[in-house]
Amino acid sequence: MRRTASPLSLILLGAGVFLLVLAPLLVAHVLPEAKRTPLDIDTTTVFTGTGSYFDTSLLTTVDDRRITITRQVRGDVSDGVRSGKAVWNVSTSVDTDATLPASDTRDSLQWSLERWVTDRRTNEPAHCCGETPVFDGEAYLKFPFDVERRDYRWWDGTLGGVVLLRHTGPGTVQGHRGLRFTGTVPATRTGVRQVPGKLVGLPERPQVLAEEWYENTGIELVVDQPTGRILYAAIGPRKTLRAPEADEDAVVLLSSDKIAFTEATQHRQVELAASDGRRLKLLGSVVPAVAGLFGAVLALVGGILVARGRVRPIGATDAHLSTHPRA
């Protein structure tokens, strides 16, 4: 007697082995590919708060006014594909009620256009593709995937330098848990600007190179741990002018104790983080676990069926042939 495997048992065994092999491959190869900064990003975040700003029409600083910061991030897909990096064009405008809605960002109180290039896996700066400014740090528009409970070096574009953000525990935004990071920027000279001397207390001089100073009294970020997406952001900026080599501020250009993500921006950031997080969880744990479980079951069933096989007499074929006489 000998045993022969049925087609069904072989199919079950093969499918089981395939799923068992697929499960670790998803974790080892597919998941790392999913943890890459997107090329085709197109998002807008809005901050609002109350503060002071220099009104150019009145030539004086006005207080207790609403300030809105709008940041638009759009990915340059063609340069991203060509370089293998995340290439993002970032437009940031600071507006008052008088300049909103602005038909042209150049009509804003302040406006800047930057080009950020980062490594898609590590989020580290990548110096290519017309990057401007040349920046440093571990985090800016987002944090790396799998954010750790430690301090991070965050790039402050206004400062033009890195700020150490301390991990200060958990944070919750719209019911979504994340990690909180906080920091400050002491008053720092960031550059010079040519202005009328009388603006900084030097009326005898028609033009002077006034010193630009910047500080941030309170940076607070709440970050989604799996994706590195910033769920909530708040800043306390203060930008001033000083007379050359002076120790005190002469003019306040912009100042607020707190400018933070709007409720709508928080909701949107949480939705995106939750969606991306579900996808990563499926690829990293749920799908491999299900594939491994079904693979084990199918392989076990198929193996049992193959082992049992179908019993057939060894000489059955020969006996059948012997009933026909040779020609």
Protein backbone atom coordinates (compact mmCIF):
# COMPACT_ATOMS: atom_id res chain seq x y z
CA MET A 1 0.00 0.00 0.00
CA ARG A 2 1.17 3.61 -0.64
CA ARG A 3 -0.23 7.04 0.18
CA THR A 4 -0.90 9.85 -2.36
CA ALA A 5 -1.65 13.48 -1.43
CA SER A 6 -4.87 15.04 -2.69
CA PRO A 7 -4.72 18.41 -4.55
CA LEU A 8 -6.69 20.08 -1.74
CA SER A 9 -4.19 19.04 0.92
CA LEU A 10 -1.29 20.37 -1.15
CA ILE A 11 -3.13 23.67 -1.74
CA LEU A 12 -3.82 24.08 1.98
CA LEU A 13 -0.26 23.25 2.90
CA GLY A 14 1.16 25.64 0.30
CA ALA A 15 -1.16 28.47 1.34
CA GLY A 16 -0.25 27.96 4.97
CA VAL A 17 3.47 28.03 4.29
CA PHE A 18 3.01 31.17 2.14
CA LEU A 19 1.18 33.01 4.93
CA LEU A 20 3.75 31.94 7.51
CA VAL A 21 6.52 33.37 5.32
CA LEU A 22 4.47 36.51 4.52
CA ALA A 23 3.90 37.49 8.17
CA PRO A 24 7.54 38.31 9.08
CA LEU A 25 8.12 39.85 5.65
CA LEU A 26 5.37 42.40 6.35
CA VAL A 27 7.12 43.46 9.54
CA ALA A 28 10.65 43.37 8.15
CA HIS A 29 10.10 44.96 4.73
CA VAL A 30 6.60 46.37 4.12
CA LEU A 31 6.24 48.26 7.42
CA PRO A 32 9.56 50.15 7.05
CA GLU A 33 8.46 51.22 3.57
CA ALA A 34 5.20 52.54 5.04
CA LYS A 35 7.15 54.56 7.63
CA ARG A 36 8.35 57.10 5.11
CA THR A 37 7.52 60.81 4.96
CA PRO A 38 4.99 61.36 2.15
CA LEU A 39 5.99 63.16 -1.03
CA ASP A 40 2.54 64.46 -1.99
CA ILE A 41 1.65 66.28 1.23
CA ASP A 42 -0.80 69.18 0.92
CA THR A 43 -1.87 70.53 4.29
CA THR A 44 -2.76 73.84 5.93
CA THR A 45 -2.43 74.57 9.64
CA VAL A 46 -3.78 77.70 11.29
CA PHE A 47 -2.70 79.33 14.58
CA THR A 48 -4.63 82.13 16.30
CA GLY A 49 -4.06 84.24 19.38
CA THR A 50 -4.13 87.77 20.78
CA GLY A 51 -1.16 90.09 20.95
CA SER A 52 0.60 93.20 19.71
CA TYR A 53 2.06 94.13 16.35
CA PHE A 54 3.60 97.14 14.64
CA ASP A 55 0.98 98.87 12.48
CA THR A 56 2.81 100.36 9.50
CA SER A 57 -0.08 102.65 8.67
CA LEU A 58 -0.03 104.20 12.18
CA LEU A 59 3.74 103.79 12.67
CA THR A 60 3.14 102.51 16.18
CA THR A 61 2.54 99.25 18.02
CA VAL A 62 -1.09 98.37 18.67
CA ASP A 63 -2.16 95.99 21.44
CA ASP A 64 -4.84 93.37 22.12
CA ARG A 65 -5.37 92.46 18.48
CA ARG A 66 -6.07 89.08 16.95
CA ILE A 67 -3.11 87.50 15.15
CA THR A 68 -3.43 84.60 12.70
CA ILE A 69 -0.58 82.47 11.39
CA THR A 70 -1.31 80.29 8.36
CA ARG A 71 1.14 77.66 7.20
CA GLN A 72 0.67 75.84 3.89
CA VAL A 73 2.85 72.81 3.12
CA ARG A 74 2.91 71.31 -0.36
CA GLY A 75 5.16 68.52 -1.51
CA ASP A 76 7.23 68.82 -4.68
CA VAL A 77 6.52 65.31 -5.95
CA SER A 78 8.72 65.43 -9.05
CA ASP A 79 11.82 66.55 -7.12
CA GLY A 80 10.95 64.12 -4.35
CA VAL A 81 10.80 61.15 -6.72
CA ARG A 82 14.01 62.21 -8.46
CA SER A 83 15.98 62.72 -5.23
CA GLY A 84 14.38 60.09 -3.02
CA LYS A 85 13.88 62.80 -0.36
CA ALA A 86 10.83 64.59 1.01
CA VAL A 87 10.82 68.02 -0.67
CA TRP A 88 8.27 70.41 0.84
CA ASN A 89 7.52 74.02 -0.06
CA VAL A 90 6.33 75.90 3.04
CA SER A 91 4.47 79.22 2.92
CA THR A 92 3.94 80.97 6.27
CA SER A 93 1.94 84.19 6.62
CA VAL A 94 1.21 86.29 9.71
CA ASP A 95 -1.99 88.27 9.42
CA THR A 96 -4.17 90.66 11.35
CA ASP A 97 -7.90 91.11 10.91
CA ALA A 98 -7.06 93.91 8.47
CA THR A 99 -5.15 91.59 6.13
CA LEU A 100 -7.48 88.57 6.31
CA PRO A 101 -8.49 87.17 3.98
CA ALA A 102 -5.44 88.17 1.96
CA SER A 103 -5.74 87.76 -1.79
CA ASP A 104 -1.94 87.79 -1.95
CA THR A 105 0.28 86.46 0.84
CA ARG A 106 2.66 89.36 0.19
CA ASP A 107 -0.01 91.67 1.61
CA SER A 108 0.29 89.93 4.99
CA LEU A 109 1.90 91.47 8.05
CA GLN A 110 4.76 88.99 7.56
CA TRP A 111 5.29 86.32 4.94
CA SER A 112 8.00 83.77 4.20
CA LEU A 113 8.50 81.00 1.65
CA GLU A 114 10.83 78.14 2.53
CA ARG A 115 11.86 74.84 0.98
CA TRP A 116 12.47 71.95 3.34
CA VAL A 117 14.20 68.72 2.32
CA THR A 118 14.38 65.77 4.71
CA ASP A 119 15.30 62.11 4.70
CA ARG A 120 12.04 60.19 4.35
CA ARG A 121 13.01 57.55 6.91
CA THR A 122 14.87 59.45 9.62
CA ASN A 123 13.41 62.98 9.22
CA GLU A 124 16.97 64.33 9.30
CA PRO A 125 17.74 67.36 7.08
CA ALA A 126 18.86 66.51 3.55
CA HIS A 127 20.86 69.25 1.92
CA CYS A 128 19.81 69.18 -1.72
CA CYS A 129 17.15 70.23 -4.20
CA GLY A 130 17.35 73.98 -3.61
CA GLU A 131 16.80 73.69 0.14
CA THR A 132 16.36 77.06 1.84
CA PRO A 133 17.19 77.81 4.53
CA VAL A 134 19.93 75.34 5.38
CA PHE A 135 18.58 73.94 8.63
CA ASP A 136 19.41 71.45 11.34
CA GLY A 137 17.69 69.43 14.05
CA GLU A 138 15.53 66.34 14.35
CA ALA A 139 12.08 67.89 14.10
CA TYR A 140 10.31 70.80 12.50
CA LEU A 141 7.11 70.31 10.53
CA LYS A 142 6.92 66.80 11.97
CA PHE A 143 8.84 64.48 14.26
CA PRO A 144 10.38 61.15 13.21
CA PHE A 145 8.19 58.04 13.21
CA ASP A 146 8.03 56.22 16.55
CA VAL A 147 8.68 59.30 18.68
CA GLU A 148 10.69 58.48 21.80
CA ARG A 149 10.19 59.75 25.35
CA ARG A 150 13.29 61.96 25.29
CA ASP A 151 14.34 65.50 24.43
CA TYR A 152 14.43 66.55 20.76
CA ARG A 153 16.29 69.23 18.78
CA TRP A 154 13.61 71.34 17.11
CA TRP A 155 14.38 73.84 14.36
CA ASP A 156 12.98 77.33 14.98
CA GLY A 157 12.81 79.15 11.66
CA THR A 158 12.52 82.61 13.22
CA LEU A 159 15.54 82.00 15.40
CA GLY A 160 17.43 80.38 12.54
CA GLY A 161 18.70 77.77 14.96
CA VAL A 162 17.93 74.69 17.01
CA VAL A 163 15.91 74.72 20.24
CA LEU A 164 16.05 71.86 22.72
CA LEU A 165 12.50 70.70 23.46
CA ARG A 166 12.07 68.78 26.69
CA HIS A 167 9.81 65.75 26.87
CA THR A 168 7.40 66.69 29.67
CA GLY A 169 5.03 63.72 29.68
CA PRO A 170 1.83 62.69 27.91
CA GLY A 171 -0.61 65.05 26.26
CA THR A 172 -4.14 64.65 24.94
CA VAL A 173 -5.60 66.53 21.98
CA GLN A 174 -9.27 66.06 21.08
CA GLY A 175 -9.21 62.72 22.94
CA HIS A 176 -6.10 61.49 21.09
CA ARG A 177 -3.06 60.72 23.24
CA GLY A 178 0.40 61.93 22.33
CA LEU A 179 3.68 63.09 23.84
CA ARG A 180 4.20 66.67 25.04
CA PHE A 181 7.37 68.68 24.41
CA THR A 182 8.09 72.17 25.71
CA GLY A 183 10.83 74.76 25.44
CA THR A 184 11.73 78.44 25.36
CA VAL A 185 14.00 80.76 23.41
CA PRO A 186 15.79 83.51 25.38
CA ALA A 187 16.02 86.97 23.82
CA THR A 188 18.48 86.54 20.94
CA ARG A 189 19.80 88.93 18.31
CA THR A 190 18.83 87.51 14.92
CA GLY A 191 19.89 90.22 12.45
CA VAL A 192 19.69 93.88 11.50
CA ARG A 193 17.19 96.00 9.61
CA GLN A 194 17.58 99.49 8.15
CA VAL A 195 14.95 101.81 9.65
CA PRO A 196 14.51 105.55 10.31
CA GLY A 197 16.56 106.51 13.35
CA LYS A 198 13.61 108.12 15.12
CA LEU A 199 11.86 104.73 15.15
CA VAL A 200 14.42 103.39 17.63
CA GLY A 201 14.97 106.59 19.60
CA LEU A 202 17.71 108.14 17.44
CA PRO A 203 15.96 111.11 15.75
CA GLU A 204 19.25 112.78 14.84
CA ARG A 205 20.10 109.92 12.47
CA PRO A 206 17.99 109.56 9.30
CA GLN A 207 18.73 105.82 8.89
CA VAL A 208 20.22 103.23 11.21
CA LEU A 209 20.82 99.50 11.16
CA ALA A 210 18.53 98.53 14.02
CA GLU A 211 19.07 95.18 15.69
CA GLU A 212 16.34 92.54 15.36
CA TRP A 213 15.71 90.52 18.53
CA TYR A 214 13.58 87.44 19.02
CA GLU A 215 12.45 85.33 21.94
CA ASN A 216 9.81 82.69 22.51
CA THR A 217 8.35 82.51 25.99
CA GLY A 218 6.58 79.21 25.54
CA ILE A 219 6.80 76.49 22.89
CA GLU A 220 4.44 73.57 23.44
CA LEU A 221 3.96 70.67 21.04
CA VAL A 222 1.87 67.53 21.42
CA VAL A 223 3.04 64.86 18.98
CA ASP A 224 1.46 61.61 17.84
CA GLN A 225 3.91 58.89 18.85
CA PRO A 226 3.59 56.38 15.93
CA THR A 227 3.53 58.91 13.08
CA GLY A 228 5.40 61.95 14.43
CA ARG A 229 2.55 64.23 13.34
CA ILE A 230 2.15 67.40 15.41
CA LEU A 231 -1.37 67.37 16.90
CA TYR A 232 -1.13 70.64 18.79
CA ALA A 233 1.30 73.54 18.68
CA ALA A 234 1.49 76.76 20.69
CA ILE A 235 4.14 79.48 20.68
CA GLY A 236 4.76 82.74 22.53
CA PRO A 237 6.77 84.83 20.05
CA ARG A 238 8.21 88.27 20.64
CA LYS A 239 10.05 90.16 17.88
CA THR A 240 11.49 93.60 18.56
CA LEU A 241 13.89 96.27 17.28
CA ARG A 242 16.68 97.84 19.29
CA ALA A 243 18.95 100.75 18.58
CA PRO A 244 22.49 99.59 17.69
CA GLU A 245 24.18 98.11 20.77
CA ALA A 246 21.23 99.05 23.00
CA ASP A 247 20.14 96.87 25.92
CA GLU A 248 16.40 97.54 25.71
CA ASP A 249 13.72 97.10 23.08
CA ALA A 250 12.69 100.25 21.21
CA VAL A 251 9.88 98.85 19.04
CA VAL A 252 7.70 95.76 19.36
CA LEU A 253 7.12 94.25 15.93
CA LEU A 254 5.13 91.23 17.11
CA SER A 255 4.33 89.86 20.54
CA SER A 256 1.90 87.34 21.97
CA ASP A 257 1.79 85.21 25.09
CA LYS A 258 0.18 82.38 23.15
CA ILE A 259 -0.66 81.66 19.53
CA ALA A 260 -1.97 78.11 19.08
CA PHE A 261 -3.58 75.68 16.65
CA THR A 262 -7.25 76.40 16.07
CA GLU A 263 -9.84 73.79 17.05
CA ALA A 264 -10.37 72.95 13.36
CA THR A 265 -6.63 72.41 12.83
CA GLN A 266 -6.42 70.20 15.92
CA HIS A 267 -9.33 68.05 14.69
CA ARG A 268 -7.75 67.70 11.25
CA GLN A 269 -4.33 66.76 12.63
CA VAL A 270 -5.88 64.16 14.93
CA GLU A 271 -7.87 62.65 12.05
CA LEU A 272 -4.76 62.35 9.88
CA ALA A 273 -2.69 60.88 12.72
CA ALA A 274 -5.40 58.35 13.57
CA SER A 275 -5.75 57.30 9.93
CA ASP A 276 -2.00 56.89 9.44
CA GLY A 277 -1.69 55.14 12.79
CA ARG A 278 -4.34 52.57 11.87
CA ARG A 279 -2.53 51.81 8.63
CA LEU A 280 0.79 51.33 10.42
CA LYS A 281 -0.82 49.15 13.08
CA LEU A 282 -2.42 46.95 10.41
CA LEU A 283 0.89 46.45 8.64
CA GLY A 284 2.93 46.12 11.80
CA SER A 285 0.82 43.88 14.01
CA VAL A 286 -2.73 43.02 12.94
CA VAL A 287 -2.08 41.72 9.42
CA PRO A 288 1.11 39.78 10.34
CA ALA A 289 -0.67 38.24 13.35
CA VAL A 290 -3.70 37.20 11.28
CA ALA A 291 -1.47 35.93 8.46
CA GLY A 292 0.62 33.94 10.92
CA LEU A 293 -2.43 32.45 12.65
CA PHE A 294 -4.20 31.45 9.44
CA GLY A 295 -0.93 30.24 7.97
CA ALA A 296 -0.34 27.97 10.96
CA VAL A 297 -3.90 26.58 10.80
CA LEU A 298 -3.78 25.97 7.05
CA ALA A 299 -0.31 24.44 7.21
CA LEU A 300 -1.41 22.15 10.06
CA VAL A 301 -4.57 21.00 8.28
CA GLY A 302 -2.77 20.59 4.97
CA GLY A 303 0.05 18.68 6.65
CA ILE A 304 -2.36 16.29 8.35
CA LEU A 305 -4.18 15.64 5.08
CA VAL A 306 -0.91 15.04 3.26
CA ALA A 307 0.24 12.67 6.00
CA ARG A 308 -2.96 10.67 5.83
CA GLY A 309 -3.11 10.74 2.07
CA ARG A 310 -5.19 8.31 0.00
CA VAL A 311 -4.32 4.62 0.38
CA ARG A 312 -3.79 2.66 -2.88
CA PRO A 313 -2.42 -0.89 -3.43
CA ILE A 314 1.16 -0.81 -4.65
CA GLY A 315 0.59 -3.28 -7.47
CA ALA A 316 -2.74 -1.93 -8.62
CA THR A 317 -1.42 -0.46 -11.83
CA ASP A 318 0.73 -3.49 -12.71
CA ALA A 319 -2.14 -5.88 -12.11
CA HIS A 320 -4.35 -3.88 -14.41
CA LEU A 321 -1.77 -3.92 -17.15
CA SER A 322 -1.22 -7.68 -16.83
CA THR A 323 -4.78 -8.46 -17.93
CA HIS A 324 -3.93 -7.33 -21.44
CA PRO A 325 -1.80 -9.77 -23.39
CA ARG A 326 1.29 -8.46 -25.14
CA ALA A 327 1.05 -7.98 -28.88
